Amino acid sequence: MTNLQPLGSIILIEKIEETETKTASGLVLTATTMEQELSRGKVIALGDGIRDSQGNIHAFNVAIGDTVYYNLMHLVDVTDNNGSKYGFLAYNNIYGKVTNA
């Protein structure tokens, strides 16, 4: 458990590290190439929700424990009091989530 709590429309994720840095044909991918690919992360905590133009708060359509896809360039790295590494991500920077369908 972490002591970090996102606010507003921000979510806290734990990065899912991708171990492959080579293509199937053996080409090594550079860090720049990897940043352009979508990354995966596990939702750890959610802010209050999404505020509309009238000030109403709407719930997220992701939940704690969901795996989401995002662009690594939008992630803000943070470390909690225990030294665990996470990332803050604006909800509108999530591209999708993994479903069981």
Protein backbone atom coordinates (compact mmCIF):
# COMPACT_ATOMS: atom_id res chain seq x y z
CA MET A 1 0.00 0.00 0.00
CA THR A 2 1.22 3.48 -0.79
CA ASN A 3 0.76 6.80 0.96
CA LEU A 4 0.31 8.64 -2.38
CA GLN A 5 -3.20 9.89 -3.18
CA PRO A 6 -3.95 11.46 -6.57
CA LEU A 7 -6.29 14.47 -6.70
CA GLY A 8 -8.96 15.50 -9.21
CA SER A 9 -8.75 13.66 -12.53
CA ILE A 10 -5.31 12.19 -11.85
CA ILE A 11 -4.69 8.46 -11.37
CA LEU A 12 -1.75 6.69 -9.75
CA ILE A 13 -0.30 3.76 -11.66
CA GLU A 14 2.41 1.21 -11.17
CA LYS A 15 4.39 0.72 -14.36
CA ILE A 16 4.41 -2.74 -15.87
CA GLU A 17 7.98 -3.09 -17.06
CA GLU A 18 8.35 -4.36 -20.61
CA THR A 19 11.38 -6.63 -20.72
CA GLU A 20 11.71 -7.06 -24.49
CA THR A 21 13.88 -4.43 -26.14
CA LYS A 22 14.40 -6.43 -29.34
CA THR A 23 12.11 -7.06 -32.27
CA ALA A 24 11.32 -10.58 -33.44
CA SER A 25 14.05 -10.23 -36.07
CA GLY A 26 16.63 -9.23 -33.44
CA LEU A 27 16.74 -5.44 -33.90
CA VAL A 28 17.42 -3.57 -30.64
CA LEU A 29 14.87 -0.86 -29.86
CA THR A 30 16.24 2.47 -28.61
CA ALA A 31 14.83 4.35 -25.63
CA THR A 32 13.29 6.92 -27.99
CA THR A 33 11.47 4.19 -29.90
CA MET A 34 10.22 2.63 -26.67
CA GLU A 35 8.83 6.00 -25.49
CA GLN A 36 6.76 6.29 -28.67
CA GLU A 37 5.11 2.92 -27.99
CA LEU A 38 2.22 2.65 -25.57
CA SER A 39 3.16 1.44 -22.10
CA ARG A 40 1.09 -0.55 -19.65
CA GLY A 41 0.41 0.16 -16.01
CA LYS A 42 -1.76 -1.07 -13.16
CA VAL A 43 -4.16 1.44 -11.55
CA ILE A 44 -3.21 1.80 -7.88
CA ALA A 45 -5.35 4.78 -6.78
CA LEU A 46 -7.83 7.24 -8.28
CA GLY A 47 -8.46 10.93 -7.75
CA ASP A 48 -11.92 12.34 -7.01
CA GLY A 49 -13.17 12.07 -10.62
CA ILE A 50 -13.64 14.06 -13.78
CA ARG A 51 -15.13 17.55 -13.36
CA ASP A 52 -17.38 18.80 -16.18
CA SER A 53 -17.95 22.43 -17.20
CA GLN A 54 -20.82 22.78 -14.68
CA GLY A 55 -18.60 21.58 -11.83
CA ASN A 56 -20.21 18.14 -11.50
CA ILE A 57 -17.85 15.25 -10.72
CA HIS A 58 -18.15 12.06 -12.78
CA ALA A 59 -16.64 8.71 -11.90
CA PHE A 60 -13.76 7.22 -13.89
CA ASN A 61 -14.40 4.25 -16.17
CA VAL A 62 -11.26 2.56 -14.86
CA ALA A 63 -10.96 0.96 -11.44
CA ILE A 64 -8.18 0.10 -9.02
CA GLY A 65 -6.46 -3.02 -10.31
CA ASP A 66 -7.20 -2.35 -14.01
CA THR A 67 -4.36 -2.51 -16.53
CA VAL A 68 -4.29 0.59 -18.75
CA TYR A 69 -2.35 1.75 -21.79
CA TYR A 70 -0.71 5.19 -21.84
CA ASN A 71 2.14 7.10 -23.48
CA LEU A 72 5.22 7.07 -21.24
CA MET A 73 5.90 10.73 -22.04
CA HIS A 74 2.74 11.75 -20.11
CA LEU A 75 3.71 9.94 -16.91
CA VAL A 76 5.12 11.88 -13.94
CA ASP A 77 7.36 9.58 -11.89
CA VAL A 78 6.89 9.67 -8.10
CA THR A 79 8.30 7.70 -5.18
CA ASP A 80 6.36 7.06 -1.98
CA ASN A 81 7.72 7.05 1.60
CA ASN A 82 8.62 3.36 1.29
CA GLY A 83 10.76 3.95 -1.80
CA SER A 84 8.26 2.31 -4.18
CA LYS A 85 8.08 3.90 -7.62
CA TYR A 86 4.77 4.91 -9.21
CA GLY A 87 3.51 7.42 -11.71
CA PHE A 88 0.86 10.14 -11.76
CA LEU A 89 -1.10 10.23 -15.01
CA ALA A 90 -3.92 12.53 -16.11
CA TYR A 91 -7.03 10.47 -16.83
CA ASN A 92 -7.38 11.95 -20.32
CA ASN A 93 -3.95 10.50 -21.21
CA ILE A 94 -5.20 6.91 -20.90
CA TYR A 95 -5.68 5.32 -24.31
CA GLY A 96 -7.47 2.16 -23.19
CA LYS A 97 -7.69 -0.64 -20.69
CA VAL A 98 -7.43 -4.41 -20.79
CA THR A 99 -10.77 -6.20 -20.56
CA ASN A 100 -11.67 -9.87 -20.22
CA ALA A 101 -14.02 -9.81 -23.22
